[in-house]
Amino acid sequence: MYSSAIDLDTIEAIDTHVHIEVAEDGHSALPADLAEAAAKYFRTDGMVPTLDAIADYYRVRRMAAVVFTVDAEQNLSHPPISSVEVIEGAARNNDVLIPFGSVDPNRADAVGIAEELVTGHGARGFKFHPTMQGFDPSDERFFPLWAAIEQLGVPALFHTGQTGIGAGTPGGRGLRLALSNPMLLDVVAATFPALSIIMAHPSVPWQDEAISVATHKSNVYIDLSGWSPKYFPAQLVRAANSLLKEKVLFGSDFPLISPDRWLADFSELDLKAEVRPLITKQNAVRLLGLRSTHE
């Protein structure tokens, strides 16, 4: 059962978006063709560290990290990495890791799986990828799942905007970008006002829509993962520096983008001094309900 032992007095930043891409037994989170396309899209060196290696990586940097995988078995016909395995790995590295579970909304027993991951194992939230999992989050068929997560009191993180998964392949491997339009999450946020929703990434080509939803709905946040900050749309930087300064979160998308690169480029953004610690740590502490080990 996961229980956080993160020392907020020594941790300097919280990366809210870190993927577990390979299990301890070597099983990949993605089919080989999609993993290859993603590596090419992000121009990575193909590094796929295990969960324990990721913990060591963040420990050295005095950072904490939210870790997860994505269960897209129904749409990709590829078995996922076990969320239970991710949570157990985070539990043995609970000084730096915070586990989110993943459940495929298309599974008939999705609600039961979600409840068990939180109450039985200690998941601190959930990760969803509508394009990869092949579902429309605004469809009422999935409302029981959102209601259950709202009742469990943990946040739901949704991929939004463009994706490197399937990029450059014929037909994008059949994956539909429109399922990751932030406006679909406006329906979820309006229907489940006690559900904390994190919209992952600068939501290009729907950046204005994402800013609108996060500004209008108090239960909606934005993580800044998946892009180097030097490429952030100007309107996102303006919003992060003003209206949304308490609703944006540091996220890298590691191992596709390193937190070192992200933070180096983030330091060059024209932001108010008081905004930087909100984004890198304090907003995540509040949203995730983290408590000092000394309390």
C-alpha atoms as a PDB file:
ATOM      1  CA  MET A   1       0.000   0.000   0.000  1.00  0.00           C
ATOM      2  CA  TYR A   2       1.527   3.302  -1.058  1.00  0.00           C
ATOM      3  CA  SER A   3       2.036   6.044   1.501  1.00  0.00           C
ATOM      4  CA  SER A   4       4.099   9.129   0.718  1.00  0.00           C
ATOM      5  CA  ALA A   5       7.322   9.801   2.635  1.00  0.00           C
ATOM      6  CA  ILE A   6       8.344  12.824   0.554  1.00  0.00           C
ATOM      7  CA  ASP A   7      10.181  15.455   2.596  1.00  0.00           C
ATOM      8  CA  LEU A   8       8.819  18.723   1.256  1.00  0.00           C
ATOM      9  CA  ASP A   9      11.572  20.640   3.028  1.00  0.00           C
ATOM     10  CA  THR A  10      14.286  19.029   0.909  1.00  0.00           C
ATOM     11  CA  ILE A  11      12.453  18.395  -2.375  1.00  0.00           C
ATOM     12  CA  GLU A  12      13.017  21.345  -4.704  1.00  0.00           C
ATOM     13  CA  ALA A  13      10.552  20.529  -7.493  1.00  0.00           C
ATOM     14  CA  ILE A  14       7.741  18.127  -8.377  1.00  0.00           C
ATOM     15  CA  ASP A  15       7.565  16.735 -11.909  1.00  0.00           C
ATOM     16  CA  THR A  16       3.895  15.887 -12.433  1.00  0.00           C
ATOM     17  CA  HIS A  17       4.285  13.947 -15.682  1.00  0.00           C
ATOM     18  CA  VAL A  18       6.683  10.972 -15.857  1.00  0.00           C
ATOM     19  CA  HIS A  19       6.045   7.829 -17.893  1.00  0.00           C
ATOM     20  CA  ILE A  20       6.970   4.296 -16.924  1.00  0.00           C
ATOM     21  CA  GLU A  21       7.726   2.917 -20.387  1.00  0.00           C
ATOM     22  CA  VAL A  22       9.232  -0.443 -19.464  1.00  0.00           C
ATOM     23  CA  ALA A  23       8.331  -2.919 -16.724  1.00  0.00           C
ATOM     24  CA  GLU A  24      10.853  -4.710 -14.521  1.00  0.00           C
ATOM     25  CA  ASP A  25      10.513  -7.782 -16.747  1.00  0.00           C
ATOM     26  CA  GLY A  26      11.239  -5.743 -19.885  1.00  0.00           C
ATOM     27  CA  HIS A  27       7.648  -5.487 -21.149  1.00  0.00           C
ATOM     28  CA  SER A  28       7.111  -2.233 -23.089  1.00  0.00           C
ATOM     29  CA  ALA A  29       4.185   0.104 -22.462  1.00  0.00           C
ATOM     30  CA  LEU A  30       3.775   0.580 -26.227  1.00  0.00           C
ATOM     31  CA  PRO A  31       3.774  -1.698 -29.260  1.00  0.00           C
ATOM     32  CA  ALA A  32       7.158  -1.588 -30.990  1.00  0.00           C
ATOM     33  CA  ASP A  33       6.000   0.530 -33.944  1.00  0.00           C
ATOM     34  CA  LEU A  34       4.466   3.209 -31.724  1.00  0.00           C
ATOM     35  CA  ALA A  35       7.485   3.299 -29.412  1.00  0.00           C
ATOM     36  CA  GLU A  36       9.762   3.776 -32.437  1.00  0.00           C
ATOM     37  CA  ALA A  37       7.567   6.551 -33.866  1.00  0.00           C
ATOM     38  CA  ALA A  38       7.458   8.378 -30.521  1.00  0.00           C
ATOM     39  CA  ALA A  39      11.251   8.198 -30.122  1.00  0.00           C
ATOM     40  CA  LYS A  40      11.681   9.619 -33.629  1.00  0.00           C
ATOM     41  CA  TYR A  41       9.124  12.372 -33.010  1.00  0.00           C
ATOM     42  CA  PHE A  42      10.782  13.490 -29.768  1.00  0.00           C
ATOM     43  CA  ARG A  43      14.323  12.836 -31.085  1.00  0.00           C
ATOM     44  CA  THR A  44      15.231  10.862 -27.996  1.00  0.00           C
ATOM     45  CA  ASP A  45      18.115   8.459 -27.591  1.00  0.00           C
ATOM     46  CA  GLY A  46      15.733   5.597 -26.927  1.00  0.00           C
ATOM     47  CA  MET A  47      16.461   5.557 -23.177  1.00  0.00           C
ATOM     48  CA  VAL A  48      13.780   3.580 -21.332  1.00  0.00           C
ATOM     49  CA  PRO A  49      14.709   3.491 -17.634  1.00  0.00           C
ATOM     50  CA  THR A  50      12.931   1.202 -15.210  1.00  0.00           C
ATOM     51  CA  LEU A  51      10.917   2.590 -12.322  1.00  0.00           C
ATOM     52  CA  ASP A  52      13.731   2.140  -9.788  1.00  0.00           C
ATOM     53  CA  ALA A  53      16.179   3.867 -12.143  1.00  0.00           C
ATOM     54  CA  ILE A  54      13.732   6.752 -12.515  1.00  0.00           C
ATOM     55  CA  ALA A  55      13.521   7.030  -8.722  1.00  0.00           C
ATOM     56  CA  ASP A  56      17.311   7.214  -8.491  1.00  0.00           C
ATOM     57  CA  TYR A  57      17.369   9.818 -11.267  1.00  0.00           C
ATOM     58  CA  TYR A  58      14.953  12.116  -9.435  1.00  0.00           C
ATOM     59  CA  ARG A  59      16.459  11.446  -6.014  1.00  0.00           C
ATOM     60  CA  VAL A  60      19.844  12.762  -7.169  1.00  0.00           C
ATOM     61  CA  ARG A  61      18.115  15.913  -8.448  1.00  0.00           C
ATOM     62  CA  ARG A  62      16.202  16.484  -5.188  1.00  0.00           C
ATOM     63  CA  MET A  63      12.911  16.221  -7.072  1.00  0.00           C
ATOM     64  CA  ALA A  64       9.742  14.198  -6.672  1.00  0.00           C
ATOM     65  CA  ALA A  65       7.879  12.743  -9.641  1.00  0.00           C
ATOM     66  CA  VAL A  66       4.355  11.576 -10.464  1.00  0.00           C
ATOM     67  CA  VAL A  67       4.748   8.271 -12.311  1.00  0.00           C
ATOM     68  CA  PHE A  68       2.264   6.289 -14.376  1.00  0.00           C
ATOM     69  CA  THR A  69       1.653   4.133 -17.388  1.00  0.00           C
ATOM     70  CA  VAL A  70      -1.331   4.064 -19.774  1.00  0.00           C
ATOM     71  CA  ASP A  71      -3.714   1.118 -20.126  1.00  0.00           C
ATOM     72  CA  ALA A  72      -4.808   1.243 -23.782  1.00  0.00           C
ATOM     73  CA  GLU A  73      -5.200  -2.472 -24.330  1.00  0.00           C
ATOM     74  CA  GLN A  74      -8.689  -2.267 -25.836  1.00  0.00           C
ATOM     75  CA  ASN A  75      -7.614   0.170 -28.561  1.00  0.00           C
ATOM     76  CA  LEU A  76      -4.017  -0.936 -29.198  1.00  0.00           C
ATOM     77  CA  SER A  77      -4.354  -4.684 -28.577  1.00  0.00           C
ATOM     78  CA  HIS A  78      -1.216  -4.482 -26.449  1.00  0.00           C
ATOM     79  CA  PRO A  79      -1.109  -5.505 -22.773  1.00  0.00           C
ATOM     80  CA  PRO A  80      -0.290  -2.552 -20.499  1.00  0.00           C
ATOM     81  CA  ILE A  81       2.305  -2.344 -17.789  1.00  0.00           C
ATOM     82  CA  SER A  82       0.535  -3.190 -14.542  1.00  0.00           C
ATOM     83  CA  SER A  83      -0.609  -0.155 -12.552  1.00  0.00           C
ATOM     84  CA  VAL A  84      -0.262  -2.285  -9.433  1.00  0.00           C
ATOM     85  CA  GLU A  85       3.395  -2.841 -10.328  1.00  0.00           C
ATOM     86  CA  VAL A  86       3.848   0.915 -10.768  1.00  0.00           C
ATOM     87  CA  ILE A  87       2.253   1.613  -7.375  1.00  0.00           C
ATOM     88  CA  GLU A  88       4.341  -1.060  -5.665  1.00  0.00           C
ATOM     89  CA  GLY A  89       7.485   0.400  -7.227  1.00  0.00           C
ATOM     90  CA  ALA A  90       6.530   3.865  -6.044  1.00  0.00           C
ATOM     91  CA  ALA A  91       5.918   2.471  -2.553  1.00  0.00           C
ATOM     92  CA  ARG A  92       9.499   1.228  -2.310  1.00  0.00           C
ATOM     93  CA  ASN A  93      10.661   4.654  -3.545  1.00  0.00           C
ATOM     94  CA  ASN A  94       8.104   6.711  -1.667  1.00  0.00           C
ATOM     95  CA  ASP A  95      10.629   9.400  -0.787  1.00  0.00           C
ATOM     96  CA  VAL A  96      10.528  10.644  -4.404  1.00  0.00           C
ATOM     97  CA  LEU A  97       7.728   8.915  -6.356  1.00  0.00           C
ATOM     98  CA  ILE A  98       3.956   9.502  -6.396  1.00  0.00           C
ATOM     99  CA  PRO A  99       1.963   6.830  -8.272  1.00  0.00           C
ATOM    100  CA  PHE A 100      -1.009   7.440 -10.545  1.00  0.00           C
ATOM    101  CA  GLY A 101      -2.974   4.449 -11.776  1.00  0.00           C
ATOM    102  CA  SER A 102      -4.349   3.905 -15.245  1.00  0.00           C
ATOM    103  CA  VAL A 103      -7.507   2.128 -16.292  1.00  0.00           C
ATOM    104  CA  ASP A 104      -8.852   1.757 -19.814  1.00  0.00           C
ATOM    105  CA  PRO A 105     -12.280   3.462 -19.768  1.00  0.00           C
ATOM    106  CA  ASN A 106     -13.427   1.013 -22.427  1.00  0.00           C
ATOM    107  CA  ARG A 107     -13.153  -1.886 -19.972  1.00  0.00           C
ATOM    108  CA  ALA A 108     -16.498  -3.078 -18.632  1.00  0.00           C
ATOM    109  CA  ASP A 109     -15.061  -3.221 -15.114  1.00  0.00           C
ATOM    110  CA  ALA A 110     -13.258   0.158 -15.270  1.00  0.00           C
ATOM    111  CA  VAL A 111     -15.017   1.547 -12.181  1.00  0.00           C
ATOM    112  CA  GLY A 112     -14.119  -1.445 -10.035  1.00  0.00           C
ATOM    113  CA  ILE A 113     -10.502  -1.366 -11.213  1.00  0.00           C
ATOM    114  CA  ALA A 114     -10.216   2.337 -10.387  1.00  0.00           C
ATOM    115  CA  GLU A 115     -11.662   1.862  -6.924  1.00  0.00           C
ATOM    116  CA  GLU A 116      -9.329  -1.037  -6.159  1.00  0.00           C
ATOM    117  CA  LEU A 117      -6.250   0.862  -7.353  1.00  0.00           C
ATOM    118  CA  VAL A 118      -6.991   3.656  -4.869  1.00  0.00           C
ATOM    119  CA  THR A 119      -8.488   1.855  -1.873  1.00  0.00           C
ATOM    120  CA  GLY A 120      -6.521  -1.377  -2.198  1.00  0.00           C
ATOM    121  CA  HIS A 121      -3.144  -0.118  -3.393  1.00  0.00           C
ATOM    122  CA  GLY A 122      -2.899   3.612  -2.734  1.00  0.00           C
ATOM    123  CA  ALA A 123      -2.956   5.218  -6.193  1.00  0.00           C
ATOM    124  CA  ARG A 124      -2.887   9.003  -5.792  1.00  0.00           C
ATOM    125  CA  GLY A 125      -4.561   9.812  -9.109  1.00  0.00           C
ATOM    126  CA  PHE A 126      -5.214   8.526 -12.640  1.00  0.00           C
ATOM    127  CA  LYS A 127      -3.720   9.087 -16.091  1.00  0.00           C
ATOM    128  CA  PHE A 128      -5.865   8.970 -19.253  1.00  0.00           C
ATOM    129  CA  HIS A 129      -4.929   9.398 -22.909  1.00  0.00           C
ATOM    130  CA  PRO A 130      -8.150   9.763 -24.942  1.00  0.00           C
ATOM    131  CA  THR A 131      -6.391   9.562 -28.316  1.00  0.00           C
ATOM    132  CA  MET A 132      -4.343   6.482 -27.455  1.00  0.00           C
ATOM    133  CA  GLN A 133      -7.146   4.793 -25.506  1.00  0.00           C
ATOM    134  CA  GLY A 134      -9.720   5.674 -28.174  1.00  0.00           C
ATOM    135  CA  PHE A 135     -12.516   7.289 -26.162  1.00  0.00           C
ATOM    136  CA  ASP A 136     -14.372  10.582 -25.890  1.00  0.00           C
ATOM    137  CA  PRO A 137     -14.220  11.743 -22.247  1.00  0.00           C
ATOM    138  CA  SER A 138     -17.414  13.793 -22.683  1.00  0.00           C
ATOM    139  CA  ASP A 139     -19.431  10.685 -23.626  1.00  0.00           C
ATOM    140  CA  GLU A 140     -21.925   9.888 -20.856  1.00  0.00           C
ATOM    141  CA  ARG A 141     -20.943   6.212 -21.064  1.00  0.00           C
ATOM    142  CA  PHE A 142     -17.842   7.144 -19.068  1.00  0.00           C
ATOM    143  CA  PHE A 143     -19.580   9.299 -16.465  1.00  0.00           C
ATOM    144  CA  PRO A 144     -19.718   6.472 -13.876  1.00  0.00           C
ATOM    145  CA  LEU A 145     -15.915   6.319 -14.004  1.00  0.00           C
ATOM    146  CA  TRP A 146     -15.532  10.076 -13.512  1.00  0.00           C
ATOM    147  CA  ALA A 147     -18.072   9.938 -10.678  1.00  0.00           C
ATOM    148  CA  ALA A 148     -16.110   7.160  -8.984  1.00  0.00           C
ATOM    149  CA  ILE A 149     -12.803   9.052  -9.241  1.00  0.00           C
ATOM    150  CA  GLU A 150     -14.499  12.191  -7.944  1.00  0.00           C
ATOM    151  CA  GLN A 151     -15.798  10.198  -4.969  1.00  0.00           C
ATOM    152  CA  LEU A 152     -12.329   8.713  -4.366  1.00  0.00           C
ATOM    153  CA  GLY A 153     -10.981  12.245  -4.070  1.00  0.00           C
ATOM    154  CA  VAL A 154      -7.985  11.923  -6.395  1.00  0.00           C
ATOM    155  CA  PRO A 155      -7.150  13.909  -9.567  1.00  0.00           C
ATOM    156  CA  ALA A 156      -7.510  12.726 -13.154  1.00  0.00           C
ATOM    157  CA  LEU A 157      -4.788  13.663 -15.627  1.00  0.00           C
ATOM    158  CA  PHE A 158      -5.820  13.737 -19.296  1.00  0.00           C
ATOM    159  CA  HIS A 159      -3.569  14.025 -22.320  1.00  0.00           C
ATOM    160  CA  THR A 160      -4.622  16.988 -24.474  1.00  0.00           C
ATOM    161  CA  GLY A 161      -3.574  18.298 -27.878  1.00  0.00           C
ATOM    162  CA  GLN A 162      -1.105  16.862 -30.364  1.00  0.00           C
ATOM    163  CA  THR A 163       0.637  13.591 -29.557  1.00  0.00           C
ATOM    164  CA  GLY A 164       3.868  11.959 -30.624  1.00  0.00           C
ATOM    165  CA  ILE A 165       2.171   8.551 -30.322  1.00  0.00           C
ATOM    166  CA  GLY A 166       1.593   7.412 -33.897  1.00  0.00           C
ATOM    167  CA  ALA A 167       3.054  10.615 -35.348  1.00  0.00           C
ATOM    168  CA  GLY A 168       4.453  10.188 -38.837  1.00  0.00           C
ATOM    169  CA  THR A 169       2.857   6.790 -39.443  1.00  0.00           C
ATOM    170  CA  PRO A 170       0.201   6.082 -42.109  1.00  0.00           C
ATOM    171  CA  GLY A 171      -3.088   7.438 -40.807  1.00  0.00           C
ATOM    172  CA  GLY A 172      -1.381   8.147 -37.482  1.00  0.00           C
ATOM    173  CA  ARG A 173      -1.912   4.443 -36.758  1.00  0.00           C
ATOM    174  CA  GLY A 174      -5.669   5.159 -36.636  1.00  0.00           C
ATOM    175  CA  LEU A 175      -5.356   7.372 -33.557  1.00  0.00           C
ATOM    176  CA  ARG A 176      -7.743  10.357 -33.507  1.00  0.00           C
ATOM    177  CA  LEU A 177      -6.382  13.683 -32.299  1.00  0.00           C
ATOM    178  CA  ALA A 178      -9.851  15.208 -31.881  1.00  0.00           C
ATOM    179  CA  LEU A 179     -10.471  12.999 -28.844  1.00  0.00           C
ATOM    180  CA  SER A 180      -7.863  15.079 -27.004  1.00  0.00           C
ATOM    181  CA  ASN A 181      -9.532  18.453 -27.557  1.00  0.00           C
ATOM    182  CA  PRO A 182      -9.665  20.229 -24.155  1.00  0.00           C
ATOM    183  CA  MET A 183     -13.273  21.293 -24.774  1.00  0.00           C
ATOM    184  CA  LEU A 184     -14.333  17.678 -24.256  1.00  0.00           C
ATOM    185  CA  LEU A 185     -12.986  17.982 -20.710  1.00  0.00           C
ATOM    186  CA  ASP A 186     -15.083  21.094 -20.132  1.00  0.00           C
ATOM    187  CA  VAL A 187     -18.107  18.781 -20.113  1.00  0.00           C
ATOM    188  CA  VAL A 188     -16.437  16.534 -17.526  1.00  0.00           C
ATOM    189  CA  ALA A 189     -15.391  19.462 -15.336  1.00  0.00           C
ATOM    190  CA  ALA A 190     -18.878  20.989 -15.435  1.00  0.00           C
ATOM    191  CA  THR A 191     -20.583  17.688 -14.610  1.00  0.00           C
ATOM    192  CA  PHE A 192     -18.163  16.663 -11.844  1.00  0.00           C
ATOM    193  CA  PRO A 193     -17.160  19.899 -10.068  1.00  0.00           C
ATOM    194  CA  ALA A 194     -15.377  18.110  -7.213  1.00  0.00           C
ATOM    195  CA  LEU A 195     -13.140  16.181  -9.635  1.00  0.00           C
ATOM    196  CA  SER A 196      -9.707  17.774 -10.036  1.00  0.00           C
ATOM    197  CA  ILE A 197      -8.762  17.581 -13.715  1.00  0.00           C
ATOM    198  CA  ILE A 198      -5.251  18.136 -15.053  1.00  0.00           C
ATOM    199  CA  MET A 199      -4.982  18.882 -18.765  1.00  0.00           C
ATOM    200  CA  ALA A 200      -1.574  17.593 -19.813  1.00  0.00           C
ATOM    201  CA  HIS A 201       0.682  19.552 -22.164  1.00  0.00           C
ATOM    202  CA  PRO A 202       0.412  22.785 -24.082  1.00  0.00           C
ATOM    203  CA  SER A 203      -2.771  21.817 -25.926  1.00  0.00           C
ATOM    204  CA  VAL A 204      -1.735  22.750 -29.455  1.00  0.00           C
ATOM    205  CA  PRO A 205      -3.710  23.268 -31.689  1.00  0.00           C
ATOM    206  CA  TRP A 206      -6.278  24.063 -28.979  1.00  0.00           C
ATOM    207  CA  GLN A 207      -4.230  26.224 -26.611  1.00  0.00           C
ATOM    208  CA  ASP A 208      -6.850  28.967 -26.320  1.00  0.00           C
ATOM    209  CA  GLU A 209      -9.513  26.375 -25.539  1.00  0.00           C
ATOM    210  CA  ALA A 210      -7.382  24.901 -22.733  1.00  0.00           C
ATOM    211  CA  ILE A 211      -6.742  28.310 -21.202  1.00  0.00           C
ATOM    212  CA  SER A 212     -10.453  29.081 -21.398  1.00  0.00           C
ATOM    213  CA  VAL A 213     -11.466  25.874 -19.631  1.00  0.00           C
ATOM    214  CA  ALA A 214      -8.823  26.245 -16.906  1.00  0.00           C
ATOM    215  CA  THR A 215      -9.823  29.880 -16.345  1.00  0.00           C
ATOM    216  CA  HIS A 216     -13.550  29.098 -16.204  1.00  0.00           C
ATOM    217  CA  LYS A 217     -13.463  25.914 -14.117  1.00  0.00           C
ATOM    218  CA  SER A 218     -11.824  26.093 -10.692  1.00  0.00           C
ATOM    219  CA  ASN A 219     -11.267  22.319 -10.722  1.00  0.00           C
ATOM    220  CA  VAL A 220      -9.156  22.310 -13.908  1.00  0.00           C
ATOM    221  CA  TYR A 221      -5.359  22.621 -14.060  1.00  0.00           C
ATOM    222  CA  ILE A 222      -2.712  22.502 -16.805  1.00  0.00           C
ATOM    223  CA  ASP A 223       0.585  20.624 -16.693  1.00  0.00           C
ATOM    224  CA  LEU A 224       3.330  22.004 -18.922  1.00  0.00           C
ATOM    225  CA  SER A 225       4.851  18.708 -20.027  1.00  0.00           C
ATOM    226  CA  GLY A 226       5.779  17.421 -23.437  1.00  0.00           C
ATOM    227  CA  TRP A 227       7.279  20.649 -24.782  1.00  0.00           C
ATOM    228  CA  SER A 228      10.457  22.548 -24.039  1.00  0.00           C
ATOM    229  CA  PRO A 229       9.312  25.821 -22.401  1.00  0.00           C
ATOM    230  CA  LYS A 230      11.106  27.813 -25.111  1.00  0.00           C
ATOM    231  CA  TYR A 231       8.413  26.591 -27.526  1.00  0.00           C
ATOM    232  CA  PHE A 232       5.410  27.419 -25.309  1.00  0.00           C
ATOM    233  CA  PRO A 233       2.702  29.440 -27.066  1.00  0.00           C
ATOM    234  CA  ALA A 234       2.870  33.086 -25.988  1.00  0.00           C
ATOM    235  CA  GLN A 235      -0.671  33.088 -24.635  1.00  0.00           C
ATOM    236  CA  LEU A 236       0.155  30.145 -22.363  1.00  0.00           C
ATOM    237  CA  VAL A 237       3.141  31.975 -20.876  1.00  0.00           C
ATOM    238  CA  ARG A 238       0.991  35.069 -20.290  1.00  0.00           C
ATOM    239  CA  ALA A 239      -1.721  33.005 -18.582  1.00  0.00           C
ATOM    240  CA  ALA A 240       0.801  31.119 -16.446  1.00  0.00           C
ATOM    241  CA  ASN A 241       2.242  34.452 -15.345  1.00  0.00           C
ATOM    242  CA  SER A 242      -1.131  35.897 -14.341  1.00  0.00           C
ATOM    243  CA  LEU A 243      -4.624  34.375 -14.283  1.00  0.00           C
ATOM    244  CA  LEU A 244      -3.433  30.751 -14.097  1.00  0.00           C
ATOM    245  CA  LYS A 245      -0.342  31.168 -11.933  1.00  0.00           C
ATOM    246  CA  GLU A 246      -1.807  28.873  -9.258  1.00  0.00           C
ATOM    247  CA  LYS A 247      -3.162  26.337 -11.766  1.00  0.00           C
ATOM    248  CA  VAL A 248      -0.156  25.373 -13.890  1.00  0.00           C
ATOM    249  CA  LEU A 249       2.255  22.591 -13.024  1.00  0.00           C
ATOM    250  CA  PHE A 250       5.800  21.588 -13.890  1.00  0.00           C
ATOM    251  CA  GLY A 251       5.827  18.405 -15.935  1.00  0.00           C
ATOM    252  CA  SER A 252       8.568  17.098 -18.204  1.00  0.00           C
ATOM    253  CA  ASP A 253       7.216  14.006 -20.029  1.00  0.00           C
ATOM    254  CA  PHE A 254      10.348  12.096 -18.999  1.00  0.00           C
ATOM    255  CA  PRO A 255      11.922   9.997 -20.479  1.00  0.00           C
ATOM    256  CA  LEU A 256      10.855  11.729 -23.714  1.00  0.00           C
ATOM    257  CA  ILE A 257      11.977  15.107 -22.342  1.00  0.00           C
ATOM    258  CA  SER A 258      14.357  15.386 -19.409  1.00  0.00           C
ATOM    259  CA  PRO A 259      13.556  17.573 -16.400  1.00  0.00           C
ATOM    260  CA  ASP A 260      17.063  19.044 -16.739  1.00  0.00           C
ATOM    261  CA  ARG A 261      16.313  20.369 -20.210  1.00  0.00           C
ATOM    262  CA  TRP A 262      12.817  21.503 -19.224  1.00  0.00           C
ATOM    263  CA  LEU A 263      13.992  23.441 -16.164  1.00  0.00           C
ATOM    264  CA  ALA A 264      16.914  25.003 -18.023  1.00  0.00           C
ATOM    265  CA  ASP A 265      14.579  26.359 -20.692  1.00  0.00           C
ATOM    266  CA  PHE A 266      11.974  27.303 -18.076  1.00  0.00           C
ATOM    267  CA  SER A 267      14.575  29.534 -16.395  1.00  0.00           C
ATOM    268  CA  GLU A 268      14.683  31.635 -19.568  1.00  0.00           C
ATOM    269  CA  LEU A 269      10.938  32.387 -19.620  1.00  0.00           C
ATOM    270  CA  ASP A 270       9.838  35.906 -18.765  1.00  0.00           C
ATOM    271  CA  LEU A 271       7.991  35.068 -15.541  1.00  0.00           C
ATOM    272  CA  LYS A 272       7.532  36.908 -12.264  1.00  0.00           C
ATOM    273  CA  ALA A 273       9.851  35.649  -9.529  1.00  0.00           C
ATOM    274  CA  GLU A 274       6.951  34.683  -7.283  1.00  0.00           C
ATOM    275  CA  VAL A 275       5.358  32.567 -10.031  1.00  0.00           C
ATOM    276  CA  ARG A 276       8.291  30.194 -10.586  1.00  0.00           C
ATOM    277  CA  PRO A 277       8.062  28.281  -7.262  1.00  0.00           C
ATOM    278  CA  LEU A 278       4.299  27.982  -7.699  1.00  0.00           C
ATOM    279  CA  ILE A 279       4.785  26.185 -11.001  1.00  0.00           C
ATOM    280  CA  THR A 280       7.765  24.043 -10.055  1.00  0.00           C
ATOM    281  CA  LYS A 281       6.469  22.846  -6.684  1.00  0.00           C
ATOM    282  CA  GLN A 282       3.814  24.641  -4.662  1.00  0.00           C
ATOM    283  CA  ASN A 283       0.817  24.175  -6.976  1.00  0.00           C
ATOM    284  CA  ALA A 284       1.491  20.435  -7.139  1.00  0.00           C
ATOM    285  CA  VAL A 285       1.850  20.186  -3.352  1.00  0.00           C
ATOM    286  CA  ARG A 286      -1.589  21.728  -2.933  1.00  0.00           C
ATOM    287  CA  LEU A 287      -3.302  19.784  -5.727  1.00  0.00           C
ATOM    288  CA  LEU A 288      -1.845  16.417  -4.692  1.00  0.00           C
ATOM    289  CA  GLY A 289      -2.557  17.001  -1.005  1.00  0.00           C
ATOM    290  CA  LEU A 290       1.042  16.407   0.010  1.00  0.00           C
ATOM    291  CA  ARG A 291       2.020  16.949   3.629  1.00  0.00           C
ATOM    292  CA  SER A 292       5.408  17.546   5.186  1.00  0.00           C
ATOM    293  CA  THR A 293       6.918  14.478   6.849  1.00  0.00           C
ATOM    294  CA  HIS A 294       7.464  16.670   9.898  1.00  0.00           C
ATOM    295  CA  GLU A 295       3.759  17.449  10.385  1.00  0.00           C
END
